Amino acid sequence: MLRTLSLGIALFTAGSLHSQTATVPEYWSEPHGDYESRRRAFVEYSANSAKPGLYLQSSRIALGLTVDEAPVREAIKFIDKRNDTSDFRMLELIRIYRTAKTHQIPETLLAEIRKTVQACV
């Protein structure tokens, strides 16, 4: 049974591997460019990530973009429940609170962040 399943998976994935072309980024053994250009490249890459979430909001703020409210609100709910690893999300909320300009995040959301942080202190 296991052997049949393994063979089926191998045959299934073999066809898909040939039909897709993977782009392999160039690897550098030493940094290229100055610190600021590398920092900017990272911030742009993370801000435009295909997998949106809480932690890339700081990159969006650094580029002057608006904050995606959904992951911030999810983090607030997670922290308010006092779930394990809330402290990691708390640090990002504080970073967002301290760095976002008023045109990047609604005042109501800043107030929610402030309330959540104060409740945990």
PDB file of N, CA and C in Angstrom:
ATOM      1  N   MET A   1       0.833  -1.193   0.000  1.00  0.00           N
ATOM      2  CA  MET A   1       0.000   0.000   0.000  1.00  0.00           C
ATOM      3  C   MET A   1       0.878   1.258   0.000  1.00  0.00           C
ATOM      4  N   LEU A   2       1.861   1.312   0.908  1.00  0.00           N
ATOM      5  CA  LEU A   2       2.743   2.469   0.991  1.00  0.00           C
ATOM      6  C   LEU A   2       3.553   2.636  -0.285  1.00  0.00           C
ATOM      7  N   ARG A   3       4.008   1.505  -0.834  1.00  0.00           N
ATOM      8  CA  ARG A   3       4.793   1.551  -2.061  1.00  0.00           C
ATOM      9  C   ARG A   3       3.943   2.083  -3.221  1.00  0.00           C
ATOM     10  N   THR A   4       2.688   1.668  -3.297  1.00  0.00           N
ATOM     11  CA  THR A   4       1.782   2.137  -4.346  1.00  0.00           C
ATOM     12  C   THR A   4       1.528   3.627  -4.193  1.00  0.00           C
ATOM     13  N   LEU A   5       1.337   4.081  -2.959  1.00  0.00           N
ATOM     14  CA  LEU A   5       1.112   5.490  -2.695  1.00  0.00           C
ATOM     15  C   LEU A   5       2.339   6.309  -3.086  1.00  0.00           C
ATOM     16  N   SER A   6       3.518   5.848  -2.740  1.00  0.00           N
ATOM     17  CA  SER A   6       4.759   6.546  -3.081  1.00  0.00           C
ATOM     18  C   SER A   6       4.930   6.637  -4.589  1.00  0.00           C
ATOM     19  N   LEU A   7       4.642   5.549  -5.299  1.00  0.00           N
ATOM     20  CA  LEU A   7       4.761   5.529  -6.747  1.00  0.00           C
ATOM     21  C   LEU A   7       3.756   6.504  -7.363  1.00  0.00           C
ATOM     22  N   GLY A   8       2.546   6.535  -6.821  1.00  0.00           N
ATOM     23  CA  GLY A   8       1.518   7.443  -7.323  1.00  0.00           C
ATOM     24  C   GLY A   8       1.917   8.898  -7.135  1.00  0.00           C
ATOM     25  N   ILE A   9       2.474   9.217  -5.978  1.00  0.00           N
ATOM     26  CA  ILE A   9       2.932  10.579  -5.719  1.00  0.00           C
ATOM     27  C   ILE A   9       4.069  10.936  -6.665  1.00  0.00           C
ATOM     28  N   ALA A  10       5.002  10.010  -6.865  1.00  0.00           N
ATOM     29  CA  ALA A  10       6.132  10.262  -7.760  1.00  0.00           C
ATOM     30  C   ALA A  10       5.647  10.522  -9.178  1.00  0.00           C
ATOM     31  N   LEU A  11       4.705   9.741  -9.655  1.00  0.00           N
ATOM     32  CA  LEU A  11       4.192   9.941 -11.005  1.00  0.00           C
ATOM     33  C   LEU A  11       3.407  11.248 -11.121  1.00  0.00           C
ATOM     34  N   PHE A  12       2.658  11.564 -10.080  1.00  0.00           N
ATOM     35  CA  PHE A  12       1.856  12.782 -10.086  1.00  0.00           C
ATOM     36  C   PHE A  12       2.760  14.016 -10.118  1.00  0.00           C
ATOM     37  N   THR A  13       3.785  14.051  -9.279  1.00  0.00           N
ATOM     38  CA  THR A  13       4.652  15.221  -9.209  1.00  0.00           C
ATOM     39  C   THR A  13       5.609  15.296 -10.381  1.00  0.00           C
ATOM     40  N   ALA A  14       5.967  14.171 -10.985  1.00  0.00           N
ATOM     41  CA  ALA A  14       6.910  14.187 -12.105  1.00  0.00           C
ATOM     42  C   ALA A  14       6.374  15.021 -13.256  1.00  0.00           C
ATOM     43  N   GLY A  15       5.108  14.884 -13.560  1.00  0.00           N
ATOM     44  CA  GLY A  15       4.522  15.663 -14.645  1.00  0.00           C
ATOM     45  C   GLY A  15       4.494  17.143 -14.328  1.00  0.00           C
ATOM     46  N   SER A  16       4.220  17.482 -13.089  1.00  0.00           N
ATOM     47  CA  SER A  16       4.137  18.895 -12.741  1.00  0.00           C
ATOM     48  C   SER A  16       5.514  19.548 -12.687  1.00  0.00           C
ATOM     49  N   LEU A  17       6.556  18.789 -12.399  1.00  0.00           N
ATOM     50  CA  LEU A  17       7.894  19.356 -12.354  1.00  0.00           C
ATOM     51  C   LEU A  17       8.360  19.777 -13.735  1.00  0.00           C
ATOM     52  N   HIS A  18       8.000  19.018 -14.747  1.00  0.00           N
ATOM     53  CA  HIS A  18       8.429  19.354 -16.100  1.00  0.00           C
ATOM     54  C   HIS A  18       7.637  20.518 -16.679  1.00  0.00           C
ATOM     55  N   SER A  19       6.438  20.734 -16.188  1.00  0.00           N
ATOM     56  CA  SER A  19       5.605  21.783 -16.758  1.00  0.00           C
ATOM     57  C   SER A  19       5.856  23.141 -16.114  1.00  0.00           C
ATOM     58  N   GLN A  20       6.642  23.196 -15.037  1.00  0.00           N
ATOM     59  CA  GLN A  20       6.904  24.454 -14.358  1.00  0.00           C
ATOM     60  C   GLN A  20       8.374  24.829 -14.496  1.00  0.00           C
ATOM     61  N   THR A  21       8.615  26.097 -14.693  1.00  0.00           N
ATOM     62  CA  THR A  21       9.976  26.584 -14.766  1.00  0.00           C
ATOM     63  C   THR A  21      10.254  27.373 -13.502  1.00  0.00           C
ATOM     64  N   ALA A  22      11.221  26.935 -12.745  1.00  0.00           N
ATOM     65  CA  ALA A  22      11.566  27.612 -11.505  1.00  0.00           C
ATOM     66  C   ALA A  22      12.641  28.655 -11.783  1.00  0.00           C
ATOM     67  N   THR A  23      12.479  29.825 -11.174  1.00  0.00           N
ATOM     68  CA  THR A  23      13.486  30.862 -11.273  1.00  0.00           C
ATOM     69  C   THR A  23      14.339  30.810 -10.016  1.00  0.00           C
ATOM     70  N   VAL A  24      15.610  30.553 -10.202  1.00  0.00           N
ATOM     71  CA  VAL A  24      16.520  30.468  -9.072  1.00  0.00           C
ATOM     72  C   VAL A  24      17.237  31.800  -8.951  1.00  0.00           C
ATOM     73  N   PRO A  25      17.089  32.471  -7.792  1.00  0.00           N
ATOM     74  CA  PRO A  25      17.768  33.757  -7.643  1.00  0.00           C
ATOM     75  C   PRO A  25      19.289  33.569  -7.613  1.00  0.00           C
ATOM     76  N   GLU A  26      19.971  34.588  -8.098  1.00  0.00           N
ATOM     77  CA  GLU A  26      21.432  34.544  -8.087  1.00  0.00           C
ATOM     78  C   GLU A  26      21.924  34.582  -6.648  1.00  0.00           C
ATOM     79  N   TYR A  27      22.884  33.746  -6.337  1.00  0.00           N
ATOM     80  CA  TYR A  27      23.436  33.699  -4.982  1.00  0.00           C
ATOM     81  C   TYR A  27      24.753  34.453  -4.946  1.00  0.00           C
ATOM     82  N   TRP A  28      24.891  35.303  -3.954  1.00  0.00           N
ATOM     83  CA  TRP A  28      26.140  36.039  -3.773  1.00  0.00           C
ATOM     84  C   TRP A  28      26.823  35.537  -2.516  1.00  0.00           C
ATOM     85  N   SER A  29      28.079  35.235  -2.599  1.00  0.00           N
ATOM     86  CA  SER A  29      28.820  34.797  -1.410  1.00  0.00           C
ATOM     87  C   SER A  29      29.229  35.999  -0.560  1.00  0.00           C
ATOM     88  N   GLU A  30      29.183  37.197  -1.144  1.00  0.00           N
ATOM     89  CA  GLU A  30      29.494  38.427  -0.412  1.00  0.00           C
ATOM     90  C   GLU A  30      28.417  39.461  -0.747  1.00  0.00           C
ATOM     91  N   PRO A  31      28.130  40.371   0.169  1.00  0.00           N
ATOM     92  CA  PRO A  31      27.088  41.371  -0.086  1.00  0.00           C
ATOM     93  C   PRO A  31      27.417  42.249  -1.291  1.00  0.00           C
ATOM     94  N   HIS A  32      26.374  42.636  -2.034  1.00  0.00           N
ATOM     95  CA  HIS A  32      26.504  43.573  -3.150  1.00  0.00           C
ATOM     96  C   HIS A  32      25.844  44.883  -2.751  1.00  0.00           C
ATOM     97  N   GLY A  33      26.420  45.974  -3.177  1.00  0.00           N
ATOM     98  CA  GLY A  33      25.845  47.275  -2.869  1.00  0.00           C
ATOM     99  C   GLY A  33      26.143  47.692  -1.444  1.00  0.00           C
ATOM    100  N   ASP A  34      25.685  48.884  -1.114  1.00  0.00           N
ATOM    101  CA  ASP A  34      25.899  49.383   0.243  1.00  0.00           C
ATOM    102  C   ASP A  34      24.758  48.927   1.160  1.00  0.00           C
ATOM    103  N   TYR A  35      24.902  49.217   2.431  1.00  0.00           N
ATOM    104  CA  TYR A  35      23.921  48.776   3.424  1.00  0.00           C
ATOM    105  C   TYR A  35      22.524  49.300   3.088  1.00  0.00           C
ATOM    106  N   GLU A  36      22.435  50.572   2.742  1.00  0.00           N
ATOM    107  CA  GLU A  36      21.120  51.172   2.487  1.00  0.00           C
ATOM    108  C   GLU A  36      20.414  50.518   1.301  1.00  0.00           C
ATOM    109  N   SER A  37      21.147  50.192   0.244  1.00  0.00           N
ATOM    110  CA  SER A  37      20.505  49.550  -0.911  1.00  0.00           C
ATOM    111  C   SER A  37      20.047  48.137  -0.562  1.00  0.00           C
ATOM    112  N   ARG A  38      20.803  47.414   0.265  1.00  0.00           N
ATOM    113  CA  ARG A  38      20.387  46.069   0.691  1.00  0.00           C
ATOM    114  C   ARG A  38      19.178  46.150   1.624  1.00  0.00           C
ATOM    115  N   ARG A  39      19.181  47.143   2.520  1.00  0.00           N
ATOM    116  CA  ARG A  39      18.052  47.334   3.431  1.00  0.00           C
ATOM    117  C   ARG A  39      16.794  47.648   2.632  1.00  0.00           C
ATOM    118  N   ARG A  40      16.924  48.532   1.665  1.00  0.00           N
ATOM    119  CA  ARG A  40      15.784  48.922   0.837  1.00  0.00           C
ATOM    120  C   ARG A  40      15.241  47.723   0.051  1.00  0.00           C
ATOM    121  N   ALA A  41      16.151  46.912  -0.503  1.00  0.00           N
ATOM    122  CA  ALA A  41      15.725  45.725  -1.262  1.00  0.00           C
ATOM    123  C   ALA A  41      14.951  44.767  -0.369  1.00  0.00           C
ATOM    124  N   PHE A  42      15.399  44.570   0.866  1.00  0.00           N
ATOM    125  CA  PHE A  42      14.695  43.680   1.793  1.00  0.00           C
ATOM    126  C   PHE A  42      13.316  44.234   2.137  1.00  0.00           C
ATOM    127  N   VAL A  43      13.253  45.523   2.445  1.00  0.00           N
ATOM    128  CA  VAL A  43      11.980  46.145   2.827  1.00  0.00           C
ATOM    129  C   VAL A  43      10.978  46.047   1.680  1.00  0.00           C
ATOM    130  N   GLU A  44      11.422  46.323   0.454  1.00  0.00           N
ATOM    131  CA  GLU A  44      10.528  46.228  -0.702  1.00  0.00           C
ATOM    132  C   GLU A  44      10.068  44.796  -0.928  1.00  0.00           C
ATOM    133  N   TYR A  45      10.987  43.849  -0.791  1.00  0.00           N
ATOM    134  CA  TYR A  45      10.640  42.442  -0.980  1.00  0.00           C
ATOM    135  C   TYR A  45       9.603  42.008   0.056  1.00  0.00           C
ATOM    136  N   SER A  46       9.839  42.325   1.325  1.00  0.00           N
ATOM    137  CA  SER A  46       8.916  41.869   2.370  1.00  0.00           C
ATOM    138  C   SER A  46       7.581  42.600   2.316  1.00  0.00           C
ATOM    139  N   ALA A  47       7.578  43.873   1.945  1.00  0.00           N
ATOM    140  CA  ALA A  47       6.321  44.628   1.864  1.00  0.00           C
ATOM    141  C   ALA A  47       5.417  44.097   0.762  1.00  0.00           C
ATOM    142  N   ASN A  48       6.010  43.520  -0.258  1.00  0.00           N
ATOM    143  CA  ASN A  48       5.232  43.007  -1.388  1.00  0.00           C
ATOM    144  C   ASN A  48       5.112  41.490  -1.365  1.00  0.00           C
ATOM    145  N   SER A  49       5.291  40.910  -0.209  1.00  0.00           N
ATOM    146  CA  SER A  49       5.227  39.460  -0.062  1.00  0.00           C
ATOM    147  C   SER A  49       3.866  38.929  -0.510  1.00  0.00           C
ATOM    148  N   ALA A  50       3.908  37.765  -1.114  1.00  0.00           N
ATOM    149  CA  ALA A  50       2.657  37.125  -1.546  1.00  0.00           C
ATOM    150  C   ALA A  50       1.882  36.570  -0.358  1.00  0.00           C
ATOM    151  N   LYS A  51       2.538  36.465   0.784  1.00  0.00           N
ATOM    152  CA  LYS A  51       1.889  35.936   1.979  1.00  0.00           C
ATOM    153  C   LYS A  51       1.719  37.072   2.992  1.00  0.00           C
ATOM    154  N   PRO A  52       0.598  37.785   2.909  1.00  0.00           N
ATOM    155  CA  PRO A  52       0.410  38.929   3.797  1.00  0.00           C
ATOM    156  C   PRO A  52       0.271  38.493   5.248  1.00  0.00           C
ATOM    157  N   GLY A  53       0.688  39.345   6.142  1.00  0.00           N
ATOM    158  CA  GLY A  53       0.574  39.028   7.551  1.00  0.00           C
ATOM    159  C   GLY A  53       0.996  40.207   8.408  1.00  0.00           C
ATOM    160  N   LEU A  54       1.006  39.990   9.690  1.00  0.00           N
ATOM    161  CA  LEU A  54       1.310  41.047  10.645  1.00  0.00           C
ATOM    162  C   LEU A  54       2.725  41.581  10.478  1.00  0.00           C
ATOM    163  N   TYR A  55       3.690  40.695  10.333  1.00  0.00           N
ATOM    164  CA  TYR A  55       5.092  41.109  10.414  1.00  0.00           C
ATOM    165  C   TYR A  55       5.581  41.906   9.213  1.00  0.00           C
ATOM    166  N   LEU A  56       4.905  41.873   8.111  1.00  0.00           N
ATOM    167  CA  LEU A  56       5.348  42.680   6.979  1.00  0.00           C
ATOM    168  C   LEU A  56       4.755  44.083   7.008  1.00  0.00           C
ATOM    169  N   GLN A  57       3.900  44.373   7.971  1.00  0.00           N
ATOM    170  CA  GLN A  57       3.301  45.704   8.057  1.00  0.00           C
ATOM    171  C   GLN A  57       4.347  46.776   8.349  1.00  0.00           C
ATOM    172  N   SER A  58       5.384  46.449   9.100  1.00  0.00           N
ATOM    173  CA  SER A  58       6.453  47.414   9.364  1.00  0.00           C
ATOM    174  C   SER A  58       7.172  47.789   8.077  1.00  0.00           C
ATOM    175  N   SER A  59       7.333  46.834   7.176  1.00  0.00           N
ATOM    176  CA  SER A  59       7.947  47.134   5.877  1.00  0.00           C
ATOM    177  C   SER A  59       7.045  48.046   5.063  1.00  0.00           C
ATOM    178  N   ARG A  60       5.752  47.815   5.123  1.00  0.00           N
ATOM    179  CA  ARG A  60       4.808  48.674   4.402  1.00  0.00           C
ATOM    180  C   ARG A  60       4.877  50.100   4.958  1.00  0.00           C
ATOM    181  N   ILE A  61       4.985  50.235   6.271  1.00  0.00           N
ATOM    182  CA  ILE A  61       5.092  51.555   6.905  1.00  0.00           C
ATOM    183  C   ILE A  61       6.376  52.248   6.451  1.00  0.00           C
ATOM    184  N   ALA A  62       7.484  51.502   6.423  1.00  0.00           N
ATOM    185  CA  ALA A  62       8.775  52.070   6.022  1.00  0.00           C
ATOM    186  C   ALA A  62       8.738  52.606   4.595  1.00  0.00           C
ATOM    187  N   LEU A  63       7.915  52.015   3.746  1.00  0.00           N
ATOM    188  CA  LEU A  63       7.798  52.466   2.357  1.00  0.00           C
ATOM    189  C   LEU A  63       6.728  53.539   2.169  1.00  0.00           C
ATOM    190  N   GLY A  64       6.053  53.906   3.263  1.00  0.00           N
ATOM    191  CA  GLY A  64       5.014  54.926   3.177  1.00  0.00           C
ATOM    192  C   GLY A  64       3.661  54.394   2.732  1.00  0.00           C
ATOM    193  N   LEU A  65       3.508  53.068   2.715  1.00  0.00           N
ATOM    194  CA  LEU A  65       2.251  52.447   2.308  1.00  0.00           C
ATOM    195  C   LEU A  65       1.301  52.361   3.494  1.00  0.00           C
ATOM    196  N   THR A  66       0.027  52.130   3.208  1.00  0.00           N
ATOM    197  CA  THR A  66      -0.941  51.961   4.293  1.00  0.00           C
ATOM    198  C   THR A  66      -0.817  50.564   4.888  1.00  0.00           C
ATOM    199  N   VAL A  67      -1.229  50.454   6.120  1.00  0.00           N
ATOM    200  CA  VAL A  67      -1.201  49.196   6.849  1.00  0.00           C
ATOM    201  C   VAL A  67      -2.424  48.368   6.481  1.00  0.00           C
ATOM    202  N   ASP A  68      -2.217  47.078   6.286  1.00  0.00           N
ATOM    203  CA  ASP A  68      -3.331  46.160   6.072  1.00  0.00           C
ATOM    204  C   ASP A  68      -3.938  45.896   7.449  1.00  0.00           C
ATOM    205  N   GLU A  69      -5.166  46.321   7.645  1.00  0.00           N
ATOM    206  CA  GLU A  69      -5.785  46.267   8.971  1.00  0.00           C
ATOM    207  C   GLU A  69      -6.100  44.853   9.450  1.00  0.00           C
ATOM    208  N   ALA A  70      -6.428  43.939   8.539  1.00  0.00           N
ATOM    209  CA  ALA A  70      -6.873  42.599   8.937  1.00  0.00           C
ATOM    210  C   ALA A  70      -5.844  41.866   9.804  1.00  0.00           C
ATOM    211  N   PRO A  71      -4.581  41.755   9.412  1.00  0.00           N
ATOM    212  CA  PRO A  71      -3.644  41.035  10.273  1.00  0.00           C
ATOM    213  C   PRO A  71      -3.394  41.739  11.606  1.00  0.00           C
ATOM    214  N   VAL A  72      -3.515  43.059  11.620  1.00  0.00           N
ATOM    215  CA  VAL A  72      -3.339  43.800  12.876  1.00  0.00           C
ATOM    216  C   VAL A  72      -4.496  43.475  13.818  1.00  0.00           C
ATOM    217  N   ARG A  73      -5.694  43.469  13.286  1.00  0.00           N
ATOM    218  CA  ARG A  73      -6.863  43.143  14.123  1.00  0.00           C
ATOM    219  C   ARG A  73      -6.819  41.689  14.615  1.00  0.00           C
ATOM    220  N   GLU A  74      -6.343  40.783  13.766  1.00  0.00           N
ATOM    221  CA  GLU A  74      -6.191  39.385  14.185  1.00  0.00           C
ATOM    222  C   GLU A  74      -5.186  39.285  15.335  1.00  0.00           C
ATOM    223  N   ALA A  75      -4.117  40.035  15.251  1.00  0.00           N
ATOM    224  CA  ALA A  75      -3.103  40.019  16.314  1.00  0.00           C
ATOM    225  C   ALA A  75      -3.670  40.572  17.618  1.00  0.00           C
ATOM    226  N   ILE A  76      -4.463  41.620  17.521  1.00  0.00           N
ATOM    227  CA  ILE A  76      -5.090  42.191  18.716  1.00  0.00           C
ATOM    228  C   ILE A  76      -5.981  41.155  19.393  1.00  0.00           C
ATOM    229  N   LYS A  77      -6.792  40.462  18.609  1.00  0.00           N
ATOM    230  CA  LYS A  77      -7.661  39.417  19.178  1.00  0.00           C
ATOM    231  C   LYS A  77      -6.829  38.308  19.811  1.00  0.00           C
ATOM    232  N   PHE A  78      -5.773  37.900  19.139  1.00  0.00           N
ATOM    233  CA  PHE A  78      -4.901  36.835  19.635  1.00  0.00           C
ATOM    234  C   PHE A  78      -4.289  37.231  20.978  1.00  0.00           C
ATOM    235  N   ILE A  79      -3.808  38.462  21.064  1.00  0.00           N
ATOM    236  CA  ILE A  79      -3.189  38.943  22.300  1.00  0.00           C
ATOM    237  C   ILE A  79      -4.227  39.089  23.403  1.00  0.00           C
ATOM    238  N   ASP A  80      -5.396  39.614  23.067  1.00  0.00           N
ATOM    239  CA  ASP A  80      -6.452  39.804  24.067  1.00  0.00           C
ATOM    240  C   ASP A  80      -6.887  38.482  24.697  1.00  0.00           C
ATOM    241  N   LYS A  81      -6.733  37.377  23.963  1.00  0.00           N
ATOM    242  CA  LYS A  81      -7.057  36.052  24.505  1.00  0.00           C
ATOM    243  C   LYS A  81      -5.924  35.497  25.363  1.00  0.00           C
ATOM    244  N   ARG A  82      -4.797  36.206  25.382  1.00  0.00           N
ATOM    245  CA  ARG A  82      -3.606  35.799  26.141  1.00  0.00           C
ATOM    246  C   ARG A  82      -3.077  34.443  25.671  1.00  0.00           C
ATOM    247  N   ASN A  83      -3.121  34.223  24.370  1.00  0.00           N
ATOM    248  CA  ASN A  83      -2.597  32.983  23.796  1.00  0.00           C
ATOM    249  C   ASN A  83      -1.075  32.928  23.927  1.00  0.00           C
ATOM    250  N   ASP A  84      -0.570  31.717  23.891  1.00  0.00           N
ATOM    251  CA  ASP A  84       0.877  31.522  23.894  1.00  0.00           C
ATOM    252  C   ASP A  84       1.469  32.194  22.664  1.00  0.00           C
ATOM    253  N   THR A  85       2.622  32.745  22.771  1.00  0.00           N
ATOM    254  CA  THR A  85       3.374  33.509  21.760  1.00  0.00           C
ATOM    255  C   THR A  85       2.769  34.884  21.486  1.00  0.00           C
ATOM    256  N   SER A  86       1.875  35.339  22.334  1.00  0.00           N
ATOM    257  CA  SER A  86       1.321  36.686  22.175  1.00  0.00           C
ATOM    258  C   SER A  86       2.404  37.750  22.269  1.00  0.00           C
ATOM    259  N   ASP A  87       3.448  37.450  23.030  1.00  0.00           N
ATOM    260  CA  ASP A  87       4.509  38.432  23.205  1.00  0.00           C
ATOM    261  C   ASP A  87       5.195  38.772  21.883  1.00  0.00           C
ATOM    262  N   PHE A  88       5.300  37.821  20.971  1.00  0.00           N
ATOM    263  CA  PHE A  88       5.912  38.099  19.672  1.00  0.00           C
ATOM    264  C   PHE A  88       5.056  39.086  18.875  1.00  0.00           C
ATOM    265  N   ARG A  89       3.771  38.851  18.898  1.00  0.00           N
ATOM    266  CA  ARG A  89       2.860  39.747  18.182  1.00  0.00           C
ATOM    267  C   ARG A  89       2.799  41.115  18.847  1.00  0.00           C
ATOM    268  N   MET A  90       2.894  41.123  20.158  1.00  0.00           N
ATOM    269  CA  MET A  90       2.871  42.385  20.907  1.00  0.00           C
ATOM    270  C   MET A  90       4.010  43.300  20.461  1.00  0.00           C
ATOM    271  N   LEU A  91       5.191  42.744  20.280  1.00  0.00           N
ATOM    272  CA  LEU A  91       6.333  43.554  19.846  1.00  0.00           C
ATOM    273  C   LEU A  91       6.070  44.207  18.494  1.00  0.00           C
ATOM    274  N   GLU A  92       5.457  43.470  17.589  1.00  0.00           N
ATOM    275  CA  GLU A  92       5.165  44.038  16.268  1.00  0.00           C
ATOM    276  C   GLU A  92       4.083  45.109  16.364  1.00  0.00           C
ATOM    277  N   LEU A  93       3.090  44.897  17.222  1.00  0.00           N
ATOM    278  CA  LEU A  93       2.059  45.929  17.397  1.00  0.00           C
ATOM    279  C   LEU A  93       2.662  47.215  17.942  1.00  0.00           C
ATOM    280  N   ILE A  94       3.590  47.093  18.886  1.00  0.00           N
ATOM    281  CA  ILE A  94       4.252  48.279  19.436  1.00  0.00           C
ATOM    282  C   ILE A  94       5.059  48.980  18.346  1.00  0.00           C
ATOM    283  N   ARG A  95       5.750  48.198  17.525  1.00  0.00           N
ATOM    284  CA  ARG A  95       6.529  48.776  16.420  1.00  0.00           C
ATOM    285  C   ARG A  95       5.600  49.524  15.451  1.00  0.00           C
ATOM    286  N   ILE A  96       4.480  48.927  15.129  1.00  0.00           N
ATOM    287  CA  ILE A  96       3.506  49.572  14.238  1.00  0.00           C
ATOM    288  C   ILE A  96       2.986  50.856  14.882  1.00  0.00           C
ATOM    289  N   TYR A  97       2.642  50.780  16.138  1.00  0.00           N
ATOM    290  CA  TYR A  97       2.092  51.931  16.862  1.00  0.00           C
ATOM    291  C   TYR A  97       3.081  53.102  16.873  1.00  0.00           C
ATOM    292  N   ARG A  98       4.347  52.790  17.090  1.00  0.00           N
ATOM    293  CA  ARG A  98       5.359  53.842  17.206  1.00  0.00           C
ATOM    294  C   ARG A  98       5.788  54.434  15.861  1.00  0.00           C
ATOM    295  N   THR A  99       5.682  53.665  14.778  1.00  0.00           N
ATOM    296  CA  THR A  99       6.238  54.132  13.513  1.00  0.00           C
ATOM    297  C   THR A  99       5.206  54.579  12.485  1.00  0.00           C
ATOM    298  N   ALA A 100       3.971  54.147  12.608  1.00  0.00           N
ATOM    299  CA  ALA A 100       2.964  54.481  11.590  1.00  0.00           C
ATOM    300  C   ALA A 100       2.551  55.949  11.692  1.00  0.00           C
ATOM    301  N   LYS A 101       2.380  56.556  10.556  1.00  0.00           N
ATOM    302  CA  LYS A 101       1.856  57.921  10.480  1.00  0.00           C
ATOM    303  C   LYS A 101       0.338  57.824  10.380  1.00  0.00           C
ATOM    304  N   THR A 102      -0.345  58.909  10.685  1.00  0.00           N
ATOM    305  CA  THR A 102      -1.810  58.866  10.724  1.00  0.00           C
ATOM    306  C   THR A 102      -2.442  58.548   9.371  1.00  0.00           C
ATOM    307  N   HIS A 103      -1.771  58.854   8.265  1.00  0.00           N
ATOM    308  CA  HIS A 103      -2.356  58.525   6.958  1.00  0.00           C
ATOM    309  C   HIS A 103      -2.142  57.054   6.591  1.00  0.00           C
ATOM    310  N   GLN A 104      -1.347  56.327   7.378  1.00  0.00           N
ATOM    311  CA  GLN A 104      -1.068  54.923   7.084  1.00  0.00           C
ATOM    312  C   GLN A 104      -1.954  53.959   7.857  1.00  0.00           C
ATOM    313  N   ILE A 105      -2.522  54.437   8.956  1.00  0.00           N
ATOM    314  CA  ILE A 105      -3.329  53.562   9.812  1.00  0.00           C
ATOM    315  C   ILE A 105      -4.425  54.404  10.477  1.00  0.00           C
ATOM    316  N   PRO A 106      -5.654  53.918  10.500  1.00  0.00           N
ATOM    317  CA  PRO A 106      -6.739  54.696  11.113  1.00  0.00           C
ATOM    318  C   PRO A 106      -6.516  54.916  12.613  1.00  0.00           C
ATOM    319  N   GLU A 107      -6.935  56.069  13.091  1.00  0.00           N
ATOM    320  CA  GLU A 107      -6.805  56.397  14.507  1.00  0.00           C
ATOM    321  C   GLU A 107      -7.538  55.372  15.379  1.00  0.00           C
ATOM    322  N   THR A 108      -8.652  54.845  14.888  1.00  0.00           N
ATOM    323  CA  THR A 108      -9.402  53.855  15.671  1.00  0.00           C
ATOM    324  C   THR A 108      -8.569  52.586  15.892  1.00  0.00           C
ATOM    325  N   LEU A 109      -7.802  52.196  14.877  1.00  0.00           N
ATOM    326  CA  LEU A 109      -6.958  51.009  15.015  1.00  0.00           C
ATOM    327  C   LEU A 109      -5.780  51.291  15.952  1.00  0.00           C
ATOM    328  N   LEU A 110      -5.224  52.489  15.883  1.00  0.00           N
ATOM    329  CA  LEU A 110      -4.168  52.864  16.830  1.00  0.00           C
ATOM    330  C   LEU A 110      -4.707  52.820  18.266  1.00  0.00           C
ATOM    331  N   ALA A 111      -5.947  53.261  18.445  1.00  0.00           N
ATOM    332  CA  ALA A 111      -6.561  53.229  19.783  1.00  0.00           C
ATOM    333  C   ALA A 111      -6.737  51.787  20.265  1.00  0.00           C
ATOM    334  N   GLU A 112      -7.103  50.876  19.349  1.00  0.00           N
ATOM    335  CA  GLU A 112      -7.233  49.459  19.721  1.00  0.00           C
ATOM    336  C   GLU A 112      -5.880  48.875  20.118  1.00  0.00           C
ATOM    337  N   ILE A 113      -4.845  49.223  19.382  1.00  0.00           N
ATOM    338  CA  ILE A 113      -3.505  48.751  19.726  1.00  0.00           C
ATOM    339  C   ILE A 113      -3.112  49.270  21.096  1.00  0.00           C
ATOM    340  N   ARG A 114      -3.314  50.573  21.327  1.00  0.00           N
ATOM    341  CA  ARG A 114      -2.976  51.173  22.609  1.00  0.00           C
ATOM    342  C   ARG A 114      -3.699  50.474  23.755  1.00  0.00           C
ATOM    343  N   LYS A 115      -4.985  50.212  23.585  1.00  0.00           N
ATOM    344  CA  LYS A 115      -5.793  49.546  24.619  1.00  0.00           C
ATOM    345  C   LYS A 115      -5.251  48.144  24.929  1.00  0.00           C
ATOM    346  N   THR A 116      -4.911  47.393  23.888  1.00  0.00           N
ATOM    347  CA  THR A 116      -4.406  46.033  24.066  1.00  0.00           C
ATOM    348  C   THR A 116      -3.053  46.046  24.780  1.00  0.00           C
ATOM    349  N   VAL A 117      -2.182  46.948  24.370  1.00  0.00           N
ATOM    350  CA  VAL A 117      -0.854  47.030  24.999  1.00  0.00           C
ATOM    351  C   VAL A 117      -0.988  47.433  26.469  1.00  0.00           C
ATOM    352  N   GLN A 118      -1.798  48.427  26.746  1.00  0.00           N
ATOM    353  CA  GLN A 118      -1.967  48.875  28.133  1.00  0.00           C
ATOM    354  C   GLN A 118      -2.579  47.802  29.012  1.00  0.00           C
ATOM    355  N   ALA A 119      -3.442  46.980  28.457  1.00  0.00           N
ATOM    356  CA  ALA A 119      -4.070  45.907  29.237  1.00  0.00           C
ATOM    357  C   ALA A 119      -3.070  44.831  29.626  1.00  0.00           C
ATOM    358  N   CYS A 120      -1.987  44.739  28.879  1.00  0.00           N
ATOM    359  CA  CYS A 120      -0.980  43.692  29.153  1.00  0.00           C
ATOM    360  C   CYS A 120       0.157  44.169  30.037  1.00  0.00           C
ATOM    361  N   VAL A 121       0.215  45.451  30.276  1.00  0.00           N
ATOM    362  CA  VAL A 121       1.345  45.991  31.053  1.00  0.00           C
ATOM    363  C   VAL A 121       1.050  45.904  32.531  1.00  0.00           C
TER     364      VAL A 121
END
